[in-house]
């Protein structure tokens, strides 16, 4: 139940060059209860 994820992406540009970069997702809404979070994870 981490609160952040990081990674790298890669894809093709309009001129068929290979592009890449970093991405990050961070949990910003702390209003969810532990029960709601657990129910969400059980679906996965």
PDB file of N, CA and C in Angstrom:
ATOM      1  N   UNK A   1       0.830  -1.180   0.000  1.00  0.00           N
ATOM      2  CA  UNK A   1       0.000   0.000   0.000  1.00  0.00           C
ATOM      3  C   UNK A   1       0.879   1.248   0.000  1.00  0.00           C
ATOM      4  N   UNK A   2       1.779   1.301  -0.964  1.00  0.00           N
ATOM      5  CA  UNK A   2       2.624   2.481  -1.086  1.00  0.00           C
ATOM      6  C   UNK A   2       1.823   3.705  -1.485  1.00  0.00           C
ATOM      7  N   UNK A   3       2.385   4.835  -1.279  1.00  0.00           N
ATOM      8  CA  UNK A   3       1.704   6.092  -1.590  1.00  0.00           C
ATOM      9  C   UNK A   3       2.247   6.772  -2.838  1.00  0.00           C
ATOM     10  N   UNK A   4       3.231   6.153  -3.490  1.00  0.00           N
ATOM     11  CA  UNK A   4       3.801   6.755  -4.696  1.00  0.00           C
ATOM     12  C   UNK A   4       4.377   5.663  -5.597  1.00  0.00           C
ATOM     13  N   UNK A   5       4.401   5.969  -6.893  1.00  0.00           N
ATOM     14  CA  UNK A   5       5.004   5.065  -7.872  1.00  0.00           C
ATOM     15  C   UNK A   5       5.844   5.916  -8.827  1.00  0.00           C
ATOM     16  N   UNK A   6       6.936   5.351  -9.279  1.00  0.00           N
ATOM     17  CA  UNK A   6       7.800   6.008 -10.255  1.00  0.00           C
ATOM     18  C   UNK A   6       8.129   5.010 -11.345  1.00  0.00           C
ATOM     19  N   UNK A   7       8.410   5.509 -12.521  1.00  0.00           N
ATOM     20  CA  UNK A   7       8.775   4.622 -13.606  1.00  0.00           C
ATOM     21  C   UNK A   7       9.307   5.392 -14.798  1.00  0.00           C
ATOM     22  N   UNK A   8       9.502   4.685 -15.876  1.00  0.00           N
ATOM     23  CA  UNK A   8       9.950   5.277 -17.130  1.00  0.00           C
ATOM     24  C   UNK A   8       8.983   4.862 -18.227  1.00  0.00           C
ATOM     25  N   UNK A   9       8.805   5.724 -19.197  1.00  0.00           N
ATOM     26  CA  UNK A   9       7.959   5.431 -20.331  1.00  0.00           C
ATOM     27  C   UNK A   9       8.798   5.529 -21.597  1.00  0.00           C
ATOM     28  N   UNK A  10       8.351   4.892 -22.643  1.00  0.00           N
ATOM     29  CA  UNK A  10       8.995   5.029 -23.949  1.00  0.00           C
ATOM     30  C   UNK A  10       7.914   4.945 -25.020  1.00  0.00           C
ATOM     31  N   UNK A  11       8.156   5.616 -26.112  1.00  0.00           N
ATOM     32  CA  UNK A  11       7.188   5.631 -27.208  1.00  0.00           C
ATOM     33  C   UNK A  11       7.816   6.265 -28.435  1.00  0.00           C
ATOM     34  N   UNK A  12       7.022   6.342 -29.500  1.00  0.00           N
ATOM     35  CA  UNK A  12       7.494   6.896 -30.761  1.00  0.00           C
ATOM     36  C   UNK A  12       6.958   8.303 -30.955  1.00  0.00           C
ATOM     37  N   UNK A  13       7.813   9.193 -31.452  1.00  0.00           N
ATOM     38  CA  UNK A  13       7.407  10.544 -31.781  1.00  0.00           C
ATOM     39  C   UNK A  13       6.799  10.602 -33.170  1.00  0.00           C
ATOM     40  N   UNK A  14       6.375  11.790 -33.589  1.00  0.00           N
ATOM     41  CA  UNK A  14       5.755  11.974 -34.902  1.00  0.00           C
ATOM     42  C   UNK A  14       6.704  11.626 -36.043  1.00  0.00           C
ATOM     43  N   UNK A  15       7.986  11.838 -35.818  1.00  0.00           N
ATOM     44  CA  UNK A  15       8.983  11.535 -36.851  1.00  0.00           C
ATOM     45  C   UNK A  15       9.594  10.145 -36.659  1.00  0.00           C
ATOM     46  N   UNK A  16       8.890   9.285 -35.916  1.00  0.00           N
ATOM     47  CA  UNK A  16       9.293   7.900 -35.642  1.00  0.00           C
ATOM     48  C   UNK A  16      10.578   7.789 -34.828  1.00  0.00           C
ATOM     49  N   UNK A  17      10.936   8.859 -34.131  1.00  0.00           N
ATOM     50  CA  UNK A  17      12.067   8.765 -33.212  1.00  0.00           C
ATOM     51  C   UNK A  17      11.556   8.170 -31.900  1.00  0.00           C
ATOM     52  N   UNK A  18      12.432   7.497 -31.193  1.00  0.00           N
ATOM     53  CA  UNK A  18      12.057   6.885 -29.919  1.00  0.00           C
ATOM     54  C   UNK A  18      12.243   7.920 -28.816  1.00  0.00           C
ATOM     55  N   UNK A  19      11.169   8.191 -28.095  1.00  0.00           N
ATOM     56  CA  UNK A  19      11.208   9.137 -26.983  1.00  0.00           C
ATOM     57  C   UNK A  19      11.074   8.370 -25.679  1.00  0.00           C
ATOM     58  N   UNK A  20      11.581   8.941 -24.617  1.00  0.00           N
ATOM     59  CA  UNK A  20      11.433   8.316 -23.306  1.00  0.00           C
ATOM     60  C   UNK A  20      11.497   9.391 -22.232  1.00  0.00           C
ATOM     61  N   UNK A  21      11.052   9.030 -21.062  1.00  0.00           N
ATOM     62  CA  UNK A  21      11.080   9.964 -19.954  1.00  0.00           C
ATOM     63  C   UNK A  21      10.650   9.280 -18.677  1.00  0.00           C
ATOM     64  N   UNK A  22      10.583  10.054 -17.625  1.00  0.00           N
ATOM     65  CA  UNK A  22      10.184   9.512 -16.327  1.00  0.00           C
ATOM     66  C   UNK A  22       8.774   9.958 -16.004  1.00  0.00           C
ATOM     67  N   UNK A  23       8.061   9.164 -15.200  1.00  0.00           N
ATOM     68  CA  UNK A  23       6.739   9.532 -14.715  1.00  0.00           C
ATOM     69  C   UNK A  23       6.650   9.209 -13.238  1.00  0.00           C
ATOM     70  N   UNK A  24       5.724   9.869 -12.569  1.00  0.00           N
ATOM     71  CA  UNK A  24       5.524   9.635 -11.134  1.00  0.00           C
ATOM     72  C   UNK A  24       4.059   9.867 -10.790  1.00  0.00           C
ATOM     73  N   UNK A  25       3.520   9.005  -9.956  1.00  0.00           N
ATOM     74  CA  UNK A  25       2.172   9.157  -9.416  1.00  0.00           C
ATOM     75  C   UNK A  25       2.289   9.237  -7.903  1.00  0.00           C
ATOM     76  N   UNK A  26       1.605  10.194  -7.316  1.00  0.00           N
ATOM     77  CA  UNK A  26       1.661  10.374  -5.873  1.00  0.00           C
ATOM     78  C   UNK A  26       0.260  10.463  -5.313  1.00  0.00           C
ATOM     79  N   UNK A  27      -0.010   9.739  -4.245  1.00  0.00           N
ATOM     80  CA  UNK A  27      -1.297   9.765  -3.562  1.00  0.00           C
ATOM     81  C   UNK A  27      -1.430  11.119  -2.879  1.00  0.00           C
ATOM     82  N   UNK A  28      -2.460  11.895  -3.245  1.00  0.00           N
ATOM     83  CA  UNK A  28      -2.614  13.220  -2.657  1.00  0.00           C
ATOM     84  C   UNK A  28      -3.882  13.369  -1.830  1.00  0.00           C
ATOM     85  N   UNK A  29      -4.857  12.456  -1.973  1.00  0.00           N
ATOM     86  CA  UNK A  29      -6.115  12.566  -1.243  1.00  0.00           C
ATOM     87  C   UNK A  29      -6.094  11.610  -0.066  1.00  0.00           C
ATOM     88  N   UNK A  30      -5.984  12.134   1.133  1.00  0.00           N
ATOM     89  CA  UNK A  30      -5.932  11.308   2.327  1.00  0.00           C
ATOM     90  C   UNK A  30      -7.306  11.121   2.954  1.00  0.00           C
ATOM     91  N   UNK A  31      -8.371  11.567   2.250  1.00  0.00           N
ATOM     92  CA  UNK A  31      -9.718  11.522   2.818  1.00  0.00           C
ATOM     93  C   UNK A  31     -10.316  10.111   2.800  1.00  0.00           C
ATOM     94  N   UNK A  32      -9.769   9.204   2.020  1.00  0.00           N
ATOM     95  CA  UNK A  32     -10.315   7.846   1.923  1.00  0.00           C
ATOM     96  C   UNK A  32     -10.016   7.059   3.196  1.00  0.00           C
ATOM     97  N   UNK A  33     -11.002   6.294   3.628  1.00  0.00           N
ATOM     98  CA  UNK A  33     -10.818   5.483   4.824  1.00  0.00           C
ATOM     99  C   UNK A  33     -10.008   4.236   4.490  1.00  0.00           C
ATOM    100  N   UNK A  34      -9.462   3.601   5.510  1.00  0.00           N
ATOM    101  CA  UNK A  34      -8.708   2.364   5.301  1.00  0.00           C
ATOM    102  C   UNK A  34      -9.617   1.278   4.724  1.00  0.00           C
ATOM    103  N   UNK A  35     -10.867   1.265   5.119  1.00  0.00           N
ATOM    104  CA  UNK A  35     -11.808   0.269   4.596  1.00  0.00           C
ATOM    105  C   UNK A  35     -12.015   0.454   3.097  1.00  0.00           C
ATOM    106  N   UNK A  36     -12.197   1.684   2.648  1.00  0.00           N
ATOM    107  CA  UNK A  36     -12.382   1.962   1.224  1.00  0.00           C
ATOM    108  C   UNK A  36     -11.154   1.538   0.425  1.00  0.00           C
ATOM    109  N   UNK A  37      -9.980   1.854   0.932  1.00  0.00           N
ATOM    110  CA  UNK A  37      -8.738   1.478   0.250  1.00  0.00           C
ATOM    111  C   UNK A  37      -8.615  -0.037   0.177  1.00  0.00           C
ATOM    112  N   UNK A  38      -8.909  -0.746   1.267  1.00  0.00           N
ATOM    113  CA  UNK A  38      -8.819  -2.200   1.294  1.00  0.00           C
ATOM    114  C   UNK A  38      -9.809  -2.817   0.318  1.00  0.00           C
ATOM    115  N   UNK A  39     -11.041  -2.304   0.233  1.00  0.00           N
ATOM    116  CA  UNK A  39     -12.031  -2.822  -0.704  1.00  0.00           C
ATOM    117  C   UNK A  39     -11.570  -2.630  -2.142  1.00  0.00           C
ATOM    118  N   UNK A  40     -10.958  -1.500  -2.426  1.00  0.00           N
ATOM    119  CA  UNK A  40     -10.436  -1.248  -3.779  1.00  0.00           C
ATOM    120  C   UNK A  40      -9.352  -2.265  -4.126  1.00  0.00           C
ATOM    121  N   UNK A  41      -8.420  -2.501  -3.222  1.00  0.00           N
ATOM    122  CA  UNK A  41      -7.327  -3.429  -3.490  1.00  0.00           C
ATOM    123  C   UNK A  41      -7.819  -4.873  -3.605  1.00  0.00           C
ATOM    124  N   UNK A  42      -8.885  -5.223  -2.916  1.00  0.00           N
ATOM    125  CA  UNK A  42      -9.416  -6.587  -2.997  1.00  0.00           C
ATOM    126  C   UNK A  42     -10.009  -6.863  -4.381  1.00  0.00           C
ATOM    127  N   UNK A  43     -10.506  -5.835  -5.066  1.00  0.00           N
ATOM    128  CA  UNK A  43     -11.051  -5.996  -6.419  1.00  0.00           C
ATOM    129  C   UNK A  43      -9.968  -6.327  -7.418  1.00  0.00           C
ATOM    130  N   UNK A  44      -8.776  -5.817  -7.198  1.00  0.00           N
ATOM    131  CA  UNK A  44      -7.681  -6.055  -8.120  1.00  0.00           C
ATOM    132  C   UNK A  44      -7.196  -7.434  -7.926  1.00  0.00           C
TER     133      UNK A  44
END
